[in-house]
Amino acid sequence: MRLPIALLLFLTSMTSPTTEPPASFDIEGHRGCRGLMPENTIPAFIKALDLGVTTLEMDVVISQDKQVVVSHDPYFNADFSIAPDGKPVDKARQKELNLYRLAYDEIRRYDTGSNGNPKFPEQQRLKAYKPLLSEVIERVEAYRQVHNLPPVAYNIELKSEASEYNISQPEPAPFCDLVQTVLKDRLPANRIIIQSFDFAVLKHWKQQADAGHYPTVRLAALVENLRGAEKNLAELGFKPAIYSPYYRLLSRKTIQSLHEQGIQVIPWTVNQRKDMERLKRWGIDGLITDYPDRAVGL
C-alpha cells in the first residue's frame, strides 16, 4: 500500500544530515535490482533495500521540462516499454521517443515493467514507470524509516556523452546543476556518489565543489575502455574517490595500484557469485550487480 504523501515527506525530513552510510563492503544494486524487478523503478529500489544493499545505483536523464528522470536510456527501450495506447514500443522507432523532447507528464504514462525484460527472465513483471529522482529519494527514505533499515548511499549516474549534447541531453554544466538542485537538502553529501562515463561531467562537478557551489560528494569514474587506469586517470585530471570499470578489465595489480593512490575500486556489473568472490579476494571495495540476492554474505 502506498503511504500518504504527507507521511512520506514527514519521514523523509527525519533523515539526519549527519547520518553515515555503511562502511562495510559496498553492495550496489544496479538500476535497483534489474535482474529481479523492472529497472530504475520504485519497486526495484525497494526490493534492493529488502535485499540489504548498501548503495542504490541508478541512472538519470533530463526531460523537456527540465525534470531529472530516473532512466538508463534517453528514450523508451523497446525491449520492455509499452506506449500509453497499450502497444509495445516499436524497436525501429524507439529512439524517436527522445525523453529530452518529452514533458515528464507524458513520460510517466509509459509502462516500463509489465512486459518484463527478455534479457532478465527472473525479472518480475509488473506495471511501472520512470520516476523522478526526487520521488525515488522520497519513497526510499520513507520506506527505510518505516522498516527501520540502515541508511543507504545513492550512486547516481549522469547518462552523458559528448555526441548527444543538446540532442538527447543538456551539456554537462546544466545537467549537473539540475541534478544538484534535486539533491540539495534531500540527502547529506556523504550518502551521494556521482558517476559518469563522461569525464566532462565529473570535472565540472569537482570544479563546482572546489568553488563551494556544490557539496563535496564522492565522484566515480566509470570505465569500459581498454586504455588502462593510468591513462584514464590522466585524462580525468584528478583522483576520483572511486574507479568503477567493467569487471573483466580488472586485475590484482590494477586494484593494488589504485588503492595505493587512495582510490576505491567498485566494478560493474558483476552478476555471477564466483566472480563476486574472486574479485573480493583480489581486494575490491564493493561491486555493482543486477542480482543483489547473489551477493548476500560476501
C-alpha atoms as a PDB file:
ATOM      1  CA  MET A   1       0.000   0.000   0.000  1.00  0.00           C
ATOM      2  CA  ARG A   2       1.331   3.440  -0.892  1.00  0.00           C
ATOM      3  CA  LEU A   3       1.856   5.745   2.060  1.00  0.00           C
ATOM      4  CA  PRO A   4       0.104   9.144   2.084  1.00  0.00           C
ATOM      5  CA  ILE A   5       2.339  11.837   0.589  1.00  0.00           C
ATOM      6  CA  ALA A   6       2.285  13.896   3.802  1.00  0.00           C
ATOM      7  CA  LEU A   7       3.626  10.959   5.790  1.00  0.00           C
ATOM      8  CA  LEU A   8       6.311  10.306   3.172  1.00  0.00           C
ATOM      9  CA  LEU A   9       7.502  13.889   3.365  1.00  0.00           C
ATOM     10  CA  PHE A  10       7.478  13.854   7.168  1.00  0.00           C
ATOM     11  CA  LEU A  11       9.502  10.671   7.358  1.00  0.00           C
ATOM     12  CA  THR A  12      11.978  11.909   4.764  1.00  0.00           C
ATOM     13  CA  SER A  13      12.514  15.096   6.754  1.00  0.00           C
ATOM     14  CA  MET A  14      13.526  12.990   9.763  1.00  0.00           C
ATOM     15  CA  THR A  15      16.706  11.833   7.987  1.00  0.00           C
ATOM     16  CA  SER A  16      19.643  13.337   9.879  1.00  0.00           C
ATOM     17  CA  PRO A  17      22.155  15.241   7.715  1.00  0.00           C
ATOM     18  CA  THR A  18      24.943  13.638   9.732  1.00  0.00           C
ATOM     19  CA  THR A  19      23.806  10.054   9.159  1.00  0.00           C
ATOM     20  CA  GLU A  20      26.728   7.937   7.965  1.00  0.00           C
ATOM     21  CA  PRO A  21      26.391   5.376   5.169  1.00  0.00           C
ATOM     22  CA  PRO A  22      27.511   1.827   5.879  1.00  0.00           C
ATOM     23  CA  ALA A  23      31.301   1.457   5.835  1.00  0.00           C
ATOM     24  CA  SER A  24      31.403  -2.278   5.023  1.00  0.00           C
ATOM     25  CA  PHE A  25      31.912  -3.960   1.639  1.00  0.00           C
ATOM     26  CA  ASP A  26      29.652  -1.990  -0.671  1.00  0.00           C
ATOM     27  CA  ILE A  27      26.935  -3.991  -2.439  1.00  0.00           C
ATOM     28  CA  GLU A  28      25.338  -1.734  -5.051  1.00  0.00           C
ATOM     29  CA  GLY A  29      22.024  -2.693  -6.612  1.00  0.00           C
ATOM     30  CA  HIS A  30      22.358  -1.963 -10.348  1.00  0.00           C
ATOM     31  CA  ARG A  31      19.348   0.047 -11.527  1.00  0.00           C
ATOM     32  CA  GLY A  32      17.832  -1.095  -8.231  1.00  0.00           C
ATOM     33  CA  CYS A  33      17.946  -4.819  -8.929  1.00  0.00           C
ATOM     34  CA  ARG A  34      17.473  -5.196 -12.672  1.00  0.00           C
ATOM     35  CA  GLY A  35      17.716  -8.972 -12.595  1.00  0.00           C
ATOM     36  CA  LEU A  36      14.699  -9.227 -10.308  1.00  0.00           C
ATOM     37  CA  MET A  37      12.486  -6.160 -10.849  1.00  0.00           C
ATOM     38  CA  PRO A  38      11.873  -3.612 -13.649  1.00  0.00           C
ATOM     39  CA  GLU A  39      14.998  -1.472 -13.859  1.00  0.00           C
ATOM     40  CA  ASN A  40      15.223   2.003 -12.373  1.00  0.00           C
ATOM     41  CA  THR A  41      11.741   1.845 -10.861  1.00  0.00           C
ATOM     42  CA  ILE A  42      10.461   2.347  -7.328  1.00  0.00           C
ATOM     43  CA  PRO A  43       9.741  -1.408  -6.888  1.00  0.00           C
ATOM     44  CA  ALA A  44      13.332  -2.214  -7.915  1.00  0.00           C
ATOM     45  CA  PHE A  45      14.805   0.163  -5.340  1.00  0.00           C
ATOM     46  CA  ILE A  46      12.507  -1.062  -2.582  1.00  0.00           C
ATOM     47  CA  LYS A  47      13.361  -4.695  -3.384  1.00  0.00           C
ATOM     48  CA  ALA A  48      17.063  -3.816  -3.290  1.00  0.00           C
ATOM     49  CA  LEU A  49      16.599  -2.308   0.168  1.00  0.00           C
ATOM     50  CA  ASP A  50      14.922  -5.513   1.352  1.00  0.00           C
ATOM     51  CA  LEU A  51      17.889  -7.496  -0.001  1.00  0.00           C
ATOM     52  CA  GLY A  52      20.293  -5.444   2.106  1.00  0.00           C
ATOM     53  CA  VAL A  53      22.188  -3.380  -0.459  1.00  0.00           C
ATOM     54  CA  THR A  54      24.387  -0.634   0.942  1.00  0.00           C
ATOM     55  CA  THR A  55      24.066   1.556  -2.161  1.00  0.00           C
ATOM     56  CA  LEU A  56      21.311   2.086  -4.712  1.00  0.00           C
ATOM     57  CA  GLU A  57      22.763   2.563  -8.196  1.00  0.00           C
ATOM     58  CA  MET A  58      20.628   4.412 -10.732  1.00  0.00           C
ATOM     59  CA  ASP A  59      20.786   6.464 -13.932  1.00  0.00           C
ATOM     60  CA  VAL A  60      19.315   9.868 -14.663  1.00  0.00           C
ATOM     61  CA  VAL A  61      18.356  11.770 -17.795  1.00  0.00           C
ATOM     62  CA  ILE A  62      16.579  15.090 -18.337  1.00  0.00           C
ATOM     63  CA  SER A  63      13.075  15.677 -19.699  1.00  0.00           C
ATOM     64  CA  GLN A  64      11.920  18.537 -21.905  1.00  0.00           C
ATOM     65  CA  ASP A  65      10.582  20.387 -18.864  1.00  0.00           C
ATOM     66  CA  LYS A  66      13.929  20.046 -17.075  1.00  0.00           C
ATOM     67  CA  GLN A  67      12.908  17.269 -14.699  1.00  0.00           C
ATOM     68  CA  VAL A  68      15.533  14.764 -13.510  1.00  0.00           C
ATOM     69  CA  VAL A  69      14.144  11.386 -14.591  1.00  0.00           C
ATOM     70  CA  VAL A  70      15.495   8.040 -13.427  1.00  0.00           C
ATOM     71  CA  SER A  71      16.186   6.165 -16.661  1.00  0.00           C
ATOM     72  CA  HIS A  72      19.142   4.422 -18.252  1.00  0.00           C
ATOM     73  CA  ASP A  73      18.216   5.317 -21.816  1.00  0.00           C
ATOM     74  CA  PRO A  74      17.267   8.815 -23.006  1.00  0.00           C
ATOM     75  CA  TYR A  75      14.416   7.131 -24.913  1.00  0.00           C
ATOM     76  CA  PHE A  76      11.900   4.314 -24.391  1.00  0.00           C
ATOM     77  CA  ASN A  77      13.665   0.997 -24.834  1.00  0.00           C
ATOM     78  CA  ALA A  78      11.569  -1.348 -26.987  1.00  0.00           C
ATOM     79  CA  ASP A  79      12.771  -4.372 -25.008  1.00  0.00           C
ATOM     80  CA  PHE A  80      10.339  -3.534 -22.226  1.00  0.00           C
ATOM     81  CA  SER A  81       8.396  -0.294 -22.891  1.00  0.00           C
ATOM     82  CA  ILE A  82       4.674  -0.031 -23.588  1.00  0.00           C
ATOM     83  CA  ALA A  83       3.184   3.172 -25.024  1.00  0.00           C
ATOM     84  CA  PRO A  84       0.199   4.912 -23.388  1.00  0.00           C
ATOM     85  CA  ASP A  85      -2.094   3.353 -26.011  1.00  0.00           C
ATOM     86  CA  GLY A  86      -1.143  -0.111 -24.742  1.00  0.00           C
ATOM     87  CA  LYS A  87       1.014  -1.045 -27.722  1.00  0.00           C
ATOM     88  CA  PRO A  88       4.664  -2.115 -27.335  1.00  0.00           C
ATOM     89  CA  VAL A  89       7.204   0.464 -28.434  1.00  0.00           C
ATOM     90  CA  ASP A  90       8.488  -0.245 -31.948  1.00  0.00           C
ATOM     91  CA  LYS A  91      12.190  -1.134 -31.960  1.00  0.00           C
ATOM     92  CA  ALA A  92      12.729   0.784 -35.203  1.00  0.00           C
ATOM     93  CA  ARG A  93      11.286   3.944 -33.665  1.00  0.00           C
ATOM     94  CA  GLN A  94      12.395   3.730 -30.045  1.00  0.00           C
ATOM     95  CA  LYS A  95      14.998   6.481 -30.298  1.00  0.00           C
ATOM     96  CA  GLU A  96      12.417   8.835 -31.744  1.00  0.00           C
ATOM     97  CA  LEU A  97      10.841   8.785 -28.279  1.00  0.00           C
ATOM     98  CA  ASN A  98      13.549  11.124 -27.009  1.00  0.00           C
ATOM     99  CA  LEU A  99      12.911  11.874 -23.335  1.00  0.00           C
ATOM    100  CA  TYR A 100      14.709  15.205 -23.687  1.00  0.00           C
ATOM    101  CA  ARG A 101      11.901  16.230 -26.061  1.00  0.00           C
ATOM    102  CA  LEU A 102       9.035  14.929 -23.900  1.00  0.00           C
ATOM    103  CA  ALA A 103       7.457  16.534 -20.844  1.00  0.00           C
ATOM    104  CA  TYR A 104       7.588  14.375 -17.727  1.00  0.00           C
ATOM    105  CA  ASP A 105       3.781  14.029 -17.566  1.00  0.00           C
ATOM    106  CA  GLU A 106       3.986  12.245 -20.935  1.00  0.00           C
ATOM    107  CA  ILE A 107       6.990  10.131 -19.912  1.00  0.00           C
ATOM    108  CA  ARG A 108       5.188   8.865 -16.830  1.00  0.00           C
ATOM    109  CA  ARG A 109       2.339   7.472 -18.935  1.00  0.00           C
ATOM    110  CA  TYR A 110       4.582   4.765 -20.439  1.00  0.00           C
ATOM    111  CA  ASP A 111       4.660   1.341 -18.760  1.00  0.00           C
ATOM    112  CA  THR A 112       8.212   0.036 -18.352  1.00  0.00           C
ATOM    113  CA  GLY A 113       7.517  -3.061 -16.278  1.00  0.00           C
ATOM    114  CA  SER A 114       4.591  -5.158 -17.492  1.00  0.00           C
ATOM    115  CA  ASN A 115       6.446  -6.700 -20.440  1.00  0.00           C
ATOM    116  CA  GLY A 116       9.398  -7.829 -18.357  1.00  0.00           C
ATOM    117  CA  ASN A 117      12.836  -7.868 -19.960  1.00  0.00           C
ATOM    118  CA  PRO A 118      13.824 -10.807 -22.195  1.00  0.00           C
ATOM    119  CA  LYS A 119      17.456 -10.413 -21.127  1.00  0.00           C
ATOM    120  CA  PHE A 120      16.477 -10.976 -17.493  1.00  0.00           C
ATOM    121  CA  PRO A 121      13.998 -13.866 -17.321  1.00  0.00           C
ATOM    122  CA  GLU A 122      13.851 -13.773 -13.499  1.00  0.00           C
ATOM    123  CA  GLN A 123      12.605 -10.189 -13.564  1.00  0.00           C
ATOM    124  CA  GLN A 124       9.114  -9.831 -12.104  1.00  0.00           C
ATOM    125  CA  ARG A 125       6.532  -8.382 -14.465  1.00  0.00           C
ATOM    126  CA  LEU A 126       4.522  -5.532 -13.015  1.00  0.00           C
ATOM    127  CA  LYS A 127       3.254  -2.186 -14.159  1.00  0.00           C
ATOM    128  CA  ALA A 128       5.847   0.520 -13.506  1.00  0.00           C
ATOM    129  CA  TYR A 129       7.010   3.876 -14.789  1.00  0.00           C
ATOM    130  CA  LYS A 130      10.125   6.020 -14.956  1.00  0.00           C
ATOM    131  CA  PRO A 131      10.119   8.004 -11.685  1.00  0.00           C
ATOM    132  CA  LEU A 132      11.661  11.357 -10.898  1.00  0.00           C
ATOM    133  CA  LEU A 133      14.867  11.314  -8.858  1.00  0.00           C
ATOM    134  CA  SER A 134      13.090  13.354  -6.198  1.00  0.00           C
ATOM    135  CA  GLU A 135      10.379  10.695  -5.902  1.00  0.00           C
ATOM    136  CA  VAL A 136      12.926   7.893  -5.633  1.00  0.00           C
ATOM    137  CA  ILE A 137      14.637   9.619  -2.717  1.00  0.00           C
ATOM    138  CA  GLU A 138      11.314  10.401  -1.047  1.00  0.00           C
ATOM    139  CA  ARG A 139       9.962   6.861  -1.360  1.00  0.00           C
ATOM    140  CA  VAL A 140      13.213   5.122  -0.422  1.00  0.00           C
ATOM    141  CA  GLU A 141      13.802   7.264   2.651  1.00  0.00           C
ATOM    142  CA  ALA A 142      10.219   6.818   3.810  1.00  0.00           C
ATOM    143  CA  TYR A 143      10.376   3.038   3.344  1.00  0.00           C
ATOM    144  CA  ARG A 144      13.712   2.864   5.105  1.00  0.00           C
ATOM    145  CA  GLN A 145      12.416   4.775   8.103  1.00  0.00           C
ATOM    146  CA  VAL A 146       9.180   2.805   8.405  1.00  0.00           C
ATOM    147  CA  HIS A 147      11.016  -0.533   8.218  1.00  0.00           C
ATOM    148  CA  ASN A 148      13.932   0.566  10.419  1.00  0.00           C
ATOM    149  CA  LEU A 149      16.520  -0.105   7.725  1.00  0.00           C
ATOM    150  CA  PRO A 150      20.022   1.381   7.810  1.00  0.00           C
ATOM    151  CA  PRO A 151      20.890   4.384   5.650  1.00  0.00           C
ATOM    152  CA  VAL A 152      21.968   3.680   2.089  1.00  0.00           C
ATOM    153  CA  ALA A 153      24.059   5.638  -0.357  1.00  0.00           C
ATOM    154  CA  TYR A 154      22.779   6.775  -3.750  1.00  0.00           C
ATOM    155  CA  ASN A 155      25.095   6.193  -6.700  1.00  0.00           C
ATOM    156  CA  ILE A 156      23.656   8.428  -9.418  1.00  0.00           C
ATOM    157  CA  GLU A 157      24.970   8.069 -12.947  1.00  0.00           C
ATOM    158  CA  LEU A 158      24.536  11.062 -15.206  1.00  0.00           C
ATOM    159  CA  LYS A 159      23.933   9.436 -18.595  1.00  0.00           C
ATOM    160  CA  SER A 160      26.034  11.664 -20.778  1.00  0.00           C
ATOM    161  CA  GLU A 161      28.118  11.544 -23.930  1.00  0.00           C
ATOM    162  CA  ALA A 162      29.530  14.408 -25.946  1.00  0.00           C
ATOM    163  CA  SER A 163      27.878  13.358 -29.210  1.00  0.00           C
ATOM    164  CA  GLU A 164      24.444  13.719 -27.563  1.00  0.00           C
ATOM    165  CA  TYR A 165      24.858  17.204 -26.055  1.00  0.00           C
ATOM    166  CA  ASN A 166      21.727  19.276 -26.822  1.00  0.00           C
ATOM    167  CA  ILE A 167      20.209  16.316 -28.709  1.00  0.00           C
ATOM    168  CA  SER A 168      19.110  13.864 -26.019  1.00  0.00           C
ATOM    169  CA  GLN A 169      20.622  15.664 -23.027  1.00  0.00           C
ATOM    170  CA  PRO A 170      21.913  19.007 -21.791  1.00  0.00           C
ATOM    171  CA  GLU A 171      25.615  19.827 -21.740  1.00  0.00           C
ATOM    172  CA  PRO A 172      27.468  18.839 -18.536  1.00  0.00           C
ATOM    173  CA  ALA A 173      27.104  22.149 -16.661  1.00  0.00           C
ATOM    174  CA  PRO A 174      23.298  22.488 -16.838  1.00  0.00           C
ATOM    175  CA  PHE A 175      22.919  18.714 -16.416  1.00  0.00           C
ATOM    176  CA  CYS A 176      24.898  18.804 -13.167  1.00  0.00           C
ATOM    177  CA  ASP A 177      23.032  21.900 -11.992  1.00  0.00           C
ATOM    178  CA  LEU A 178      19.666  20.189 -12.421  1.00  0.00           C
ATOM    179  CA  VAL A 179      20.794  17.093 -10.514  1.00  0.00           C
ATOM    180  CA  GLN A 180      22.353  19.143  -7.736  1.00  0.00           C
ATOM    181  CA  THR A 181      19.134  21.128  -7.331  1.00  0.00           C
ATOM    182  CA  VAL A 182      17.241  17.897  -6.683  1.00  0.00           C
ATOM    183  CA  LEU A 183      19.821  16.549  -4.242  1.00  0.00           C
ATOM    184  CA  LYS A 184      20.180  19.779  -2.285  1.00  0.00           C
ATOM    185  CA  ASP A 185      18.565  19.495   1.146  1.00  0.00           C
ATOM    186  CA  ARG A 186      17.307  15.966   0.363  1.00  0.00           C
ATOM    187  CA  LEU A 187      20.423  13.940   1.168  1.00  0.00           C
ATOM    188  CA  PRO A 188      23.628  14.512   3.107  1.00  0.00           C
ATOM    189  CA  ALA A 189      26.692  14.737   0.866  1.00  0.00           C
ATOM    190  CA  ASN A 190      28.309  11.669   2.412  1.00  0.00           C
ATOM    191  CA  ARG A 191      25.497   9.491   1.067  1.00  0.00           C
ATOM    192  CA  ILE A 192      25.854  10.678  -2.522  1.00  0.00           C
ATOM    193  CA  ILE A 193      28.025   9.285  -5.312  1.00  0.00           C
ATOM    194  CA  ILE A 194      28.028  10.949  -8.728  1.00  0.00           C
ATOM    195  CA  GLN A 195      29.317   8.733 -11.516  1.00  0.00           C
ATOM    196  CA  SER A 196      29.631   9.055 -15.276  1.00  0.00           C
ATOM    197  CA  PHE A 197      31.429   7.683 -18.302  1.00  0.00           C
ATOM    198  CA  ASP A 198      31.618  11.294 -19.481  1.00  0.00           C
ATOM    199  CA  PHE A 199      34.604  12.740 -17.652  1.00  0.00           C
ATOM    200  CA  ALA A 200      33.414  16.267 -18.515  1.00  0.00           C
ATOM    201  CA  VAL A 201      30.573  15.695 -16.040  1.00  0.00           C
ATOM    202  CA  LEU A 202      32.956  14.659 -13.265  1.00  0.00           C
ATOM    203  CA  LYS A 203      35.326  17.539 -13.989  1.00  0.00           C
ATOM    204  CA  HIS A 204      32.508  20.057 -13.825  1.00  0.00           C
ATOM    205  CA  TRP A 205      31.163  18.643 -10.563  1.00  0.00           C
ATOM    206  CA  LYS A 206      34.620  18.796  -8.980  1.00  0.00           C
ATOM    207  CA  GLN A 207      35.178  22.377 -10.173  1.00  0.00           C
ATOM    208  CA  GLN A 208      31.872  23.462  -8.684  1.00  0.00           C
ATOM    209  CA  ALA A 209      32.575  21.617  -5.429  1.00  0.00           C
ATOM    210  CA  ASP A 210      36.047  23.156  -5.170  1.00  0.00           C
ATOM    211  CA  ALA A 211      34.473  26.577  -5.695  1.00  0.00           C
ATOM    212  CA  GLY A 212      31.942  25.905  -2.929  1.00  0.00           C
ATOM    213  CA  HIS A 213      28.921  25.863  -5.238  1.00  0.00           C
ATOM    214  CA  TYR A 214      28.247  22.111  -4.908  1.00  0.00           C
ATOM    215  CA  PRO A 215      28.755  19.831  -1.915  1.00  0.00           C
ATOM    216  CA  THR A 216      31.823  17.620  -1.944  1.00  0.00           C
ATOM    217  CA  VAL A 217      30.447  14.184  -2.792  1.00  0.00           C
ATOM    218  CA  ARG A 218      32.222  11.024  -3.901  1.00  0.00           C
ATOM    219  CA  LEU A 219      32.933  11.043  -7.634  1.00  0.00           C
ATOM    220  CA  ALA A 220      33.204   7.763  -9.523  1.00  0.00           C
ATOM    221  CA  ALA A 221      34.891   7.352 -12.905  1.00  0.00           C
ATOM    222  CA  LEU A 222      33.008   4.785 -14.967  1.00  0.00           C
ATOM    223  CA  VAL A 223      35.238   2.985 -17.470  1.00  0.00           C
ATOM    224  CA  GLU A 224      34.651   0.488 -20.270  1.00  0.00           C
ATOM    225  CA  ASN A 225      37.685   1.182 -22.493  1.00  0.00           C
ATOM    226  CA  LEU A 226      40.988  -0.708 -22.753  1.00  0.00           C
ATOM    227  CA  ARG A 227      43.307   2.255 -22.105  1.00  0.00           C
ATOM    228  CA  GLY A 228      44.070   1.211 -18.553  1.00  0.00           C
ATOM    229  CA  ALA A 229      43.642   3.001 -15.241  1.00  0.00           C
ATOM    230  CA  GLU A 230      46.745   5.176 -15.525  1.00  0.00           C
ATOM    231  CA  LYS A 231      45.721   6.729 -18.847  1.00  0.00           C
ATOM    232  CA  ASN A 232      42.095   7.125 -17.791  1.00  0.00           C
ATOM    233  CA  LEU A 233      43.074   8.929 -14.600  1.00  0.00           C
ATOM    234  CA  ALA A 234      45.425  11.167 -16.574  1.00  0.00           C
ATOM    235  CA  GLU A 235      42.534  12.095 -18.855  1.00  0.00           C
ATOM    236  CA  LEU A 236      40.289  12.788 -15.882  1.00  0.00           C
ATOM    237  CA  GLY A 237      42.916  15.062 -14.377  1.00  0.00           C
ATOM    238  CA  PHE A 238      42.268  14.284 -10.707  1.00  0.00           C
ATOM    239  CA  LYS A 239      41.937  11.304  -8.417  1.00  0.00           C
ATOM    240  CA  PRO A 240      38.293  10.307  -8.004  1.00  0.00           C
ATOM    241  CA  ALA A 241      37.029   8.666  -4.844  1.00  0.00           C
ATOM    242  CA  ILE A 242      36.051   5.595  -6.885  1.00  0.00           C
ATOM    243  CA  TYR A 243      37.327   3.935 -10.050  1.00  0.00           C
ATOM    244  CA  SER A 244      34.493   1.866 -11.498  1.00  0.00           C
ATOM    245  CA  PRO A 245      35.456  -0.257 -14.526  1.00  0.00           C
ATOM    246  CA  TYR A 246      33.770  -3.153 -16.280  1.00  0.00           C
ATOM    247  CA  TYR A 247      34.738  -6.029 -14.033  1.00  0.00           C
ATOM    248  CA  ARG A 248      36.602  -8.012 -16.700  1.00  0.00           C
ATOM    249  CA  LEU A 249      39.101  -5.147 -17.059  1.00  0.00           C
ATOM    250  CA  LEU A 250      40.386  -5.607 -13.517  1.00  0.00           C
ATOM    251  CA  SER A 251      43.488  -7.360 -12.235  1.00  0.00           C
ATOM    252  CA  ARG A 252      45.022  -7.685  -8.788  1.00  0.00           C
ATOM    253  CA  LYS A 253      47.790  -5.335  -9.874  1.00  0.00           C
ATOM    254  CA  THR A 254      45.348  -2.648 -11.014  1.00  0.00           C
ATOM    255  CA  ILE A 255      43.386  -2.855  -7.771  1.00  0.00           C
ATOM    256  CA  GLN A 256      46.597  -2.587  -5.728  1.00  0.00           C
ATOM    257  CA  SER A 257      47.810   0.388  -7.755  1.00  0.00           C
ATOM    258  CA  LEU A 258      44.532   2.247  -7.331  1.00  0.00           C
ATOM    259  CA  HIS A 259      44.473   1.553  -3.606  1.00  0.00           C
ATOM    260  CA  GLU A 260      47.987   2.944  -3.294  1.00  0.00           C
ATOM    261  CA  GLN A 261      46.595   6.177  -4.717  1.00  0.00           C
ATOM    262  CA  GLY A 262      43.746   6.211  -2.208  1.00  0.00           C
ATOM    263  CA  ILE A 263      41.115   5.298  -4.812  1.00  0.00           C
ATOM    264  CA  GLN A 264      38.407   2.731  -4.121  1.00  0.00           C
ATOM    265  CA  VAL A 265      37.611   0.102  -6.761  1.00  0.00           C
ATOM    266  CA  ILE A 266      33.960  -0.803  -7.398  1.00  0.00           C
ATOM    267  CA  PRO A 267      33.458  -2.705 -10.702  1.00  0.00           C
ATOM    268  CA  TRP A 268      30.301  -3.230 -12.735  1.00  0.00           C
ATOM    269  CA  THR A 269      28.213  -5.300 -13.483  1.00  0.00           C
ATOM    270  CA  VAL A 270      29.122  -8.439 -11.539  1.00  0.00           C
ATOM    271  CA  ASN A 271      26.310 -10.998 -11.681  1.00  0.00           C
ATOM    272  CA  GLN A 272      27.921 -14.390 -11.005  1.00  0.00           C
ATOM    273  CA  ARG A 273      28.740 -15.425  -7.450  1.00  0.00           C
ATOM    274  CA  LYS A 274      32.099 -16.940  -8.428  1.00  0.00           C
ATOM    275  CA  ASP A 275      33.171 -13.618  -9.966  1.00  0.00           C
ATOM    276  CA  MET A 276      31.995 -11.721  -6.902  1.00  0.00           C
ATOM    277  CA  GLU A 277      34.036 -13.974  -4.616  1.00  0.00           C
ATOM    278  CA  ARG A 278      37.150 -13.826  -6.809  1.00  0.00           C
ATOM    279  CA  LEU A 279      37.091 -10.050  -7.087  1.00  0.00           C
ATOM    280  CA  LYS A 280      36.554  -9.662  -3.377  1.00  0.00           C
ATOM    281  CA  ARG A 281      39.602 -11.853  -2.730  1.00  0.00           C
ATOM    282  CA  TRP A 282      41.518  -9.549  -5.037  1.00  0.00           C
ATOM    283  CA  GLY A 283      40.607  -6.625  -2.791  1.00  0.00           C
ATOM    284  CA  ILE A 284      37.780  -4.666  -4.435  1.00  0.00           C
ATOM    285  CA  ASP A 285      35.853  -2.318  -2.155  1.00  0.00           C
ATOM    286  CA  GLY A 286      32.421  -3.234  -3.453  1.00  0.00           C
ATOM    287  CA  LEU A 287      30.583  -4.206  -6.606  1.00  0.00           C
ATOM    288  CA  ILE A 288      27.593  -3.271  -8.727  1.00  0.00           C
ATOM    289  CA  THR A 289      25.214  -6.118  -9.535  1.00  0.00           C
ATOM    290  CA  ASP A 290      21.838  -6.794 -11.154  1.00  0.00           C
ATOM    291  CA  TYR A 291      21.306  -9.546  -8.573  1.00  0.00           C
ATOM    292  CA  PRO A 292      21.905  -8.291  -5.017  1.00  0.00           C
ATOM    293  CA  ASP A 293      20.467 -11.566  -3.745  1.00  0.00           C
ATOM    294  CA  ARG A 294      23.520 -13.375  -5.154  1.00  0.00           C
ATOM    295  CA  ALA A 295      25.835 -11.103  -3.161  1.00  0.00           C
ATOM    296  CA  VAL A 296      24.336 -11.913   0.223  1.00  0.00           C
ATOM    297  CA  GLY A 297      27.024 -12.997   2.682  1.00  0.00           C
ATOM    298  CA  LEU A 298      30.030 -11.740   0.727  1.00  0.00           C
END
